[in-house]
Amino acid sequence: MTSLRLLQHRAADGTRSVIAATDEGASLVPGVDSVRELATLAIAAGTDLATEVRACGTGAAVDIAAELAAGRLLSPIDHGDPAHLIMTGTGLTHLGSAEGRDKMHRAAAAAETLTDSMRMFLDGVAGGKPAAGETGQQPEWFYKGDGSGLVAPGGALTSPAFAQDGGEEPELAGIYLIGPDGTPFRLGLCLANEFSDHVTERHNYLWLAHSKLRQAALGPELLTGAIPDHVEGMSRIHRDGALLWEKPFLSGETNMSHTIANLEAHHFKYDLFRRPGDVHVHFFGTATLSFSEGVTTQEGDVFEIEAAPFTLPLRNTLAKAPPSPVVVRAL
């Protein structure tokens, strides 16, 4: 089975199912209602996802484009307890990623001094692709939240009322399930919109942690198997039904200053991130931002990200949450 992609579906009556898609078509996977369940079975059997799909047999055929249009496709990974899905990411990992970030921070440094962003990027260029058996340079790392912040394809990416910006970040995300013995298993890759507050980040780089505590969206397909070395796609913003901005984006190790294995090693080296049963969504970074080209997003804008070998786009509308004042009470 080549280019196996897994999707999660919810019918009108609430029934969940898993869809397996290849170049030949798509069909339901009998006997499982989540990708996490399918992966758990594969881990227990000592096989892989493609083998487990074949073992489950073939169900009814599905038109995945029609199901996406009808709003019946979920994020391709989730967890019954959202607190056990952890969203994290790495930045300055792509060969063009320093340019946009450096524009944001250059004014804070003397002309003859490298910014922290550029230093971290150059460290990655020098040591982000270590030889076998060696430890590579650790990347920038950030925490985005838990599964409660994961938005389905077609859903609204909602900025909190206090946010100063809501901007797209088109990239790839690695999807992982931690096995019973603490081994991280990579299930595959998804298209992703990492969605950040770039105005807050630009004000002070030490506010990066604040700027990343936002929702994120995954494309409807989880691509299993070997990681492609080169992924080329398009990031767009539509406003009032018209194209406002578009630009190609590149990903895959050919276009990165780090290997995926190096990024994985520096994430899963922490015992906390090897807790059996947890799901991890780890964003691998991007070099393409509309914000760095002067675009200011607004409510109602539609973000669109597409890239082969994924066959379905990721679209999300920008929304703004109402204020929700919090009062701390002493007991």
Protein backbone atom coordinates (compact mmCIF):
# COMPACT_ATOMS: atom_id res chain seq x y z
CA MET A 1 0.00 0.00 0.00
CA THR A 2 1.64 3.20 -1.16
CA SER A 3 1.12 6.71 0.14
CA LEU A 4 -1.28 5.58 2.85
CA ARG A 5 -3.15 8.49 4.42
CA LEU A 6 -5.41 8.13 7.45
CA LEU A 7 -8.38 10.36 8.21
CA GLN A 8 -10.91 10.55 11.04
CA HIS A 9 -14.62 10.93 10.27
CA ARG A 10 -17.74 11.70 12.28
CA ALA A 11 -21.13 10.89 10.80
CA ALA A 12 -24.26 12.96 11.37
CA ASP A 13 -25.33 10.62 14.19
CA GLY A 14 -21.97 11.10 15.97
CA THR A 15 -20.51 7.75 14.96
CA ARG A 16 -16.77 7.95 14.46
CA SER A 17 -14.70 6.03 11.95
CA VAL A 18 -11.25 5.86 10.38
CA ILE A 19 -10.70 6.24 6.65
CA ALA A 20 -7.71 4.81 4.78
CA ALA A 21 -6.87 6.63 1.54
CA THR A 22 -4.40 5.81 -1.22
CA ASP A 23 -3.97 6.94 -4.80
CA GLU A 24 -6.51 4.26 -5.74
CA GLY A 25 -9.29 5.58 -3.50
CA ALA A 26 -10.51 5.76 0.08
CA SER A 27 -12.54 3.43 2.28
CA LEU A 28 -13.59 2.94 5.88
CA VAL A 29 -11.39 0.82 8.16
CA PRO A 30 -13.68 -1.65 9.97
CA GLY A 31 -13.39 -2.23 13.72
CA VAL A 32 -11.69 1.00 14.83
CA ASP A 33 -13.05 4.47 15.52
CA SER A 34 -9.81 6.46 15.92
CA VAL A 35 -6.33 6.59 14.49
CA ARG A 36 -5.02 6.34 18.05
CA GLU A 37 -6.84 3.02 18.49
CA LEU A 38 -5.45 1.76 15.18
CA ALA A 39 -1.92 2.77 16.23
CA THR A 40 -2.35 1.11 19.63
CA LEU A 41 -3.27 -2.14 17.89
CA ALA A 42 -0.23 -1.88 15.59
CA ILE A 43 2.11 -1.27 18.54
CA ALA A 44 0.68 -4.26 20.42
CA ALA A 45 1.04 -6.48 17.34
CA GLY A 46 4.57 -5.28 16.59
CA THR A 47 3.54 -4.23 13.07
CA ASP A 48 2.93 -0.87 11.38
CA LEU A 49 -0.12 1.17 10.43
CA ALA A 50 -0.32 -0.09 6.85
CA THR A 51 -0.19 -3.71 8.01
CA GLU A 52 -2.85 -3.05 10.64
CA VAL A 53 -5.12 -1.40 8.05
CA ARG A 54 -4.83 -4.50 5.85
CA ALA A 55 -5.58 -6.73 8.85
CA CYS A 56 -8.77 -4.78 9.56
CA GLY A 57 -10.07 -5.32 6.03
CA THR A 58 -11.82 -2.93 3.67
CA GLY A 59 -15.08 -1.17 4.39
CA ALA A 60 -17.33 1.07 2.32
CA ALA A 61 -15.81 3.47 -0.18
CA VAL A 62 -15.67 7.15 0.83
CA ASP A 63 -15.38 10.38 -1.16
CA ILE A 64 -13.01 12.23 1.15
CA ALA A 65 -13.28 15.54 -0.73
CA ALA A 66 -17.07 15.47 -0.32
CA GLU A 67 -16.77 14.57 3.36
CA LEU A 68 -14.37 17.48 3.90
CA ALA A 69 -16.77 19.87 2.14
CA ALA A 70 -19.59 18.59 4.36
CA GLY A 71 -17.58 19.26 7.52
CA ARG A 72 -17.48 15.62 8.58
CA LEU A 73 -13.69 15.18 8.74
CA LEU A 74 -12.04 15.61 12.13
CA SER A 75 -8.42 16.31 12.94
CA PRO A 76 -6.60 13.10 11.95
CA ILE A 77 -5.40 12.57 15.53
CA ASP A 78 -6.95 13.29 18.92
CA HIS A 79 -7.25 11.85 22.41
CA GLY A 80 -10.26 11.06 24.55
CA ASP A 81 -8.68 13.15 27.31
CA PRO A 82 -7.38 16.36 25.66
CA ALA A 83 -4.89 16.87 28.50
CA HIS A 84 -2.99 13.84 27.16
CA LEU A 85 -2.44 15.40 23.74
CA ILE A 86 0.56 17.72 23.89
CA MET A 87 1.22 20.36 21.22
CA THR A 88 4.78 21.65 20.92
CA GLY A 89 7.03 22.96 18.19
CA THR A 90 10.44 24.03 17.00
CA GLY A 91 11.39 27.22 15.19
CA LEU A 92 14.27 28.48 13.05
CA THR A 93 14.53 25.02 11.52
CA HIS A 94 14.20 25.90 7.83
CA LEU A 95 16.84 27.40 5.58
CA GLY A 96 14.76 30.53 4.94
CA SER A 97 13.31 30.85 8.43
CA ALA A 98 15.89 33.24 9.83
CA GLU A 99 15.05 36.01 7.35
CA GLY A 100 11.50 36.68 8.51
CA ARG A 101 12.35 36.27 12.19
CA ASP A 102 15.43 38.47 11.89
CA LYS A 103 13.33 41.25 10.32
CA MET A 104 11.17 41.17 13.42
CA HIS A 105 14.03 41.43 15.88
CA ARG A 106 16.84 43.28 14.07
CA ALA A 107 15.87 46.69 15.37
CA ALA A 108 16.52 45.53 18.92
CA ALA A 109 20.20 44.82 18.24
CA ALA A 110 23.15 46.89 17.06
CA ALA A 111 23.81 46.65 13.34
CA GLU A 112 27.07 44.79 13.88
CA THR A 113 25.54 42.29 16.33
CA LEU A 114 23.75 39.11 15.34
CA THR A 115 20.28 38.79 16.81
CA ASP A 116 19.52 35.84 19.08
CA SER A 117 17.37 34.47 16.26
CA MET A 118 20.22 34.56 13.76
CA ARG A 119 22.64 33.00 16.23
CA MET A 120 20.23 30.16 16.92
CA PHE A 121 19.60 29.66 13.21
CA LEU A 122 23.35 29.53 12.45
CA ASP A 123 23.84 27.04 15.30
CA GLY A 124 21.27 24.84 13.59
CA VAL A 125 22.95 25.18 10.20
CA ALA A 126 26.25 24.15 11.77
CA GLY A 127 24.98 21.31 13.94
CA GLY A 128 21.37 20.47 13.13
CA LYS A 129 22.20 17.52 10.89
CA PRO A 130 24.59 15.40 12.98
CA ALA A 131 26.36 12.31 11.75
CA ALA A 132 25.06 8.93 12.88
CA GLY A 133 25.73 8.38 16.56
CA GLU A 134 26.37 12.05 17.29
CA THR A 135 24.21 14.51 19.21
CA GLY A 136 23.08 17.47 17.14
CA GLN A 137 22.46 21.07 18.10
CA GLN A 138 19.21 21.54 19.98
CA PRO A 139 16.66 23.80 18.28
CA GLU A 140 14.41 26.50 19.57
CA TRP A 141 11.49 24.79 21.33
CA PHE A 142 8.08 26.01 22.46
CA TYR A 143 4.89 24.71 24.05
CA LYS A 144 1.56 25.41 22.32
CA GLY A 145 -0.98 23.75 24.56
CA ASP A 146 -2.98 20.55 24.84
CA GLY A 147 -5.65 18.85 22.76
CA SER A 148 -8.27 21.43 23.71
CA GLY A 149 -6.51 23.85 21.34
CA LEU A 150 -6.54 21.54 18.31
CA VAL A 151 -8.94 22.83 15.64
CA ALA A 152 -10.48 20.57 13.01
CA PRO A 153 -10.16 21.17 9.26
CA GLY A 154 -12.65 23.87 8.33
CA GLY A 155 -12.98 25.08 11.92
CA ALA A 156 -12.29 28.57 13.21
CA LEU A 157 -8.86 29.48 14.53
CA THR A 158 -9.85 31.77 17.38
CA SER A 159 -7.54 34.41 18.79
CA PRO A 160 -8.12 35.31 22.43
CA ALA A 161 -9.49 38.80 23.08
CA PHE A 162 -6.13 39.99 24.43
CA ALA A 163 -4.18 38.82 21.36
CA GLN A 164 -2.55 41.45 19.18
CA ASP A 165 -2.45 39.32 16.04
CA GLY A 166 -3.55 35.99 14.64
CA GLY A 167 -1.29 34.85 11.84
CA GLU A 168 -0.82 31.66 9.85
CA GLU A 169 2.27 29.43 9.96
CA PRO A 170 2.15 26.79 7.19
CA GLU A 171 4.22 23.77 8.08
CA LEU A 172 4.42 20.05 8.74
CA ALA A 173 3.65 18.46 12.08
CA GLY A 174 4.86 15.10 13.33
CA ILE A 175 2.25 12.92 15.06
CA TYR A 176 3.39 10.53 17.81
CA LEU A 177 1.93 8.02 20.24
CA ILE A 178 3.93 6.92 23.27
CA GLY A 179 3.97 3.15 23.64
CA PRO A 180 3.47 1.18 26.86
CA ASP A 181 7.23 1.07 27.55
CA GLY A 182 7.76 4.80 26.88
CA THR A 183 8.88 4.42 23.26
CA PRO A 184 7.72 7.27 20.99
CA PHE A 185 6.13 5.96 17.78
CA ARG A 186 5.84 8.35 14.85
CA LEU A 187 2.48 7.74 13.19
CA GLY A 188 3.15 10.15 10.35
CA LEU A 189 2.98 13.76 9.22
CA CYS A 190 0.18 16.26 8.78
CA LEU A 191 -0.16 19.59 7.06
CA ALA A 192 -0.52 22.18 9.79
CA ASN A 193 -1.31 25.79 10.55
CA GLU A 194 0.64 26.50 13.72
CA PHE A 195 -1.10 29.91 14.17
CA SER A 196 0.72 32.46 16.31
CA ASP A 197 0.58 36.04 17.61
CA HIS A 198 3.45 37.65 15.71
CA VAL A 199 2.83 41.17 16.99
CA THR A 200 3.28 40.01 20.58
CA GLU A 201 6.43 38.12 19.62
CA ARG A 202 7.88 41.10 17.75
CA HIS A 203 7.43 43.39 20.75
CA ASN A 204 9.87 41.33 22.79
CA TYR A 205 11.40 38.01 21.85
CA LEU A 206 11.02 36.88 25.46
CA TRP A 207 7.28 36.98 24.81
CA LEU A 208 7.62 34.12 22.31
CA ALA A 209 6.14 31.76 24.92
CA HIS A 210 3.04 33.97 25.18
CA SER A 211 2.71 34.28 21.40
CA LYS A 212 2.66 30.51 20.92
CA LEU A 213 -0.08 29.69 23.48
CA ARG A 214 -2.69 29.64 20.76
CA GLN A 215 -4.84 27.16 18.89
CA ALA A 216 -3.52 25.20 15.91
CA ALA A 217 -5.06 23.22 13.06
CA LEU A 218 -4.07 20.03 11.28
CA GLY A 219 -4.92 19.08 7.73
CA PRO A 220 -7.40 16.21 7.39
CA GLU A 221 -4.83 13.62 6.28
CA LEU A 222 -2.13 11.87 8.30
CA LEU A 223 0.56 10.72 5.87
CA THR A 224 2.13 7.47 7.04
CA GLY A 225 5.41 5.84 6.11
CA ALA A 226 8.70 7.45 5.13
CA ILE A 227 9.06 11.21 5.56
CA PRO A 228 9.37 12.99 2.19
CA ASP A 229 12.64 14.88 1.79
CA HIS A 230 11.00 17.71 -0.15
CA VAL A 231 7.53 19.15 0.35
CA GLU A 232 6.43 22.14 -1.70
CA GLY A 233 3.08 23.78 -1.14
CA MET A 234 1.16 27.04 -1.17
CA SER A 235 -0.04 29.24 1.66
CA ARG A 236 -2.91 31.64 0.93
CA ILE A 237 -5.14 34.13 2.69
CA HIS A 238 -8.59 34.90 1.30
CA ARG A 239 -10.59 37.96 2.37
CA ASP A 240 -14.22 38.63 1.43
CA GLY A 241 -14.05 35.88 -1.18
CA ALA A 242 -10.95 37.26 -2.92
CA LEU A 243 -7.31 36.20 -2.76
CA LEU A 244 -5.44 38.61 -0.48
CA TRP A 245 -2.00 36.96 -0.34
CA GLU A 246 -0.26 33.80 -1.44
CA LYS A 247 3.25 32.43 -1.37
CA PRO A 248 4.90 29.03 -1.85
CA PHE A 249 6.38 27.31 1.18
CA LEU A 250 8.96 24.56 1.39
CA SER A 251 9.52 21.86 3.97
CA GLY A 252 11.14 18.45 4.28
CA GLU A 253 14.75 17.86 5.29
CA THR A 254 16.16 19.11 1.96
CA ASN A 255 14.87 22.56 2.93
CA MET A 256 15.70 22.36 6.63
CA SER A 257 18.72 23.13 8.78
CA HIS A 258 17.84 20.25 11.12
CA THR A 259 16.97 16.64 10.49
CA ILE A 260 13.60 15.44 11.72
CA ALA A 261 15.46 12.86 13.81
CA ASN A 262 17.42 15.63 15.55
CA LEU A 263 14.24 17.56 16.34
CA GLU A 264 12.64 14.38 17.66
CA ALA A 265 15.67 13.50 19.77
CA HIS A 266 15.66 16.87 21.52
CA HIS A 267 11.92 16.70 22.21
CA PHE A 268 11.70 13.14 23.45
CA LYS A 269 14.89 13.29 25.52
CA TYR A 270 12.67 14.56 28.34
CA ASP A 271 11.06 11.86 30.48
CA LEU A 272 7.91 14.00 30.71
CA PHE A 273 7.33 13.54 26.97
CA ARG A 274 7.56 9.74 27.08
CA ARG A 275 4.49 9.08 29.23
CA PRO A 276 2.74 5.94 27.94
CA GLY A 277 -0.50 6.63 26.10
CA ASP A 278 0.15 10.31 25.40
CA VAL A 279 -0.23 11.77 21.92
CA HIS A 280 2.23 14.41 20.71
CA VAL A 281 1.73 16.89 17.89
CA HIS A 282 5.08 18.52 17.15
CA PHE A 283 5.29 21.39 14.65
CA PHE A 284 8.50 21.42 12.61
CA GLY A 285 8.62 25.11 11.67
CA THR A 286 8.27 27.24 8.55
CA ALA A 287 10.06 29.88 6.51
CA THR A 288 6.92 31.51 5.09
CA LEU A 289 4.83 34.09 6.97
CA SER A 290 2.45 36.69 5.58
CA PHE A 291 3.21 38.82 8.65
CA SER A 292 6.85 39.26 7.61
CA GLU A 293 5.56 40.72 4.32
CA GLY A 294 3.39 43.33 6.00
CA VAL A 295 0.05 41.53 5.96
CA THR A 296 -2.29 42.30 8.86
CA THR A 297 -4.97 39.64 9.24
CA GLN A 298 -8.52 40.37 10.34
CA GLU A 299 -11.59 38.47 11.47
CA GLY A 300 -13.16 36.49 8.67
CA ASP A 301 -9.93 35.91 6.75
CA VAL A 302 -9.59 32.34 5.50
CA PHE A 303 -6.21 30.62 5.73
CA GLU A 304 -5.58 27.95 3.10
CA ILE A 305 -2.60 25.57 3.04
CA GLU A 306 -2.04 22.82 0.52
CA ALA A 307 0.92 20.67 -0.50
CA ALA A 308 1.59 17.35 -2.21
CA PRO A 309 1.65 14.48 -1.33
CA PHE A 310 -1.39 15.53 0.74
CA THR A 311 -4.46 15.60 -1.47
CA LEU A 312 -6.81 17.76 0.61
CA PRO A 313 -6.25 21.39 1.65
CA LEU A 314 -6.37 22.79 5.16
CA ARG A 315 -8.72 25.77 5.46
CA ASN A 316 -9.58 27.69 8.62
CA THR A 317 -11.30 31.00 9.26
CA LEU A 318 -9.83 33.57 11.66
CA ALA A 319 -12.13 34.43 14.56
CA LYS A 320 -11.77 36.54 17.70
CA ALA A 321 -12.93 35.43 21.12
CA PRO A 322 -14.91 37.80 23.33
CA PRO A 323 -13.22 39.12 26.48
CA SER A 324 -13.32 36.68 29.38
CA PRO A 325 -12.13 38.47 32.53
CA VAL A 326 -10.64 36.24 35.20
CA VAL A 327 -10.79 37.04 38.90
CA VAL A 328 -8.56 35.04 41.25
CA ARG A 329 -10.28 34.24 44.55
CA ALA A 330 -8.44 33.45 47.74
CA LEU A 331 -9.62 30.49 49.81
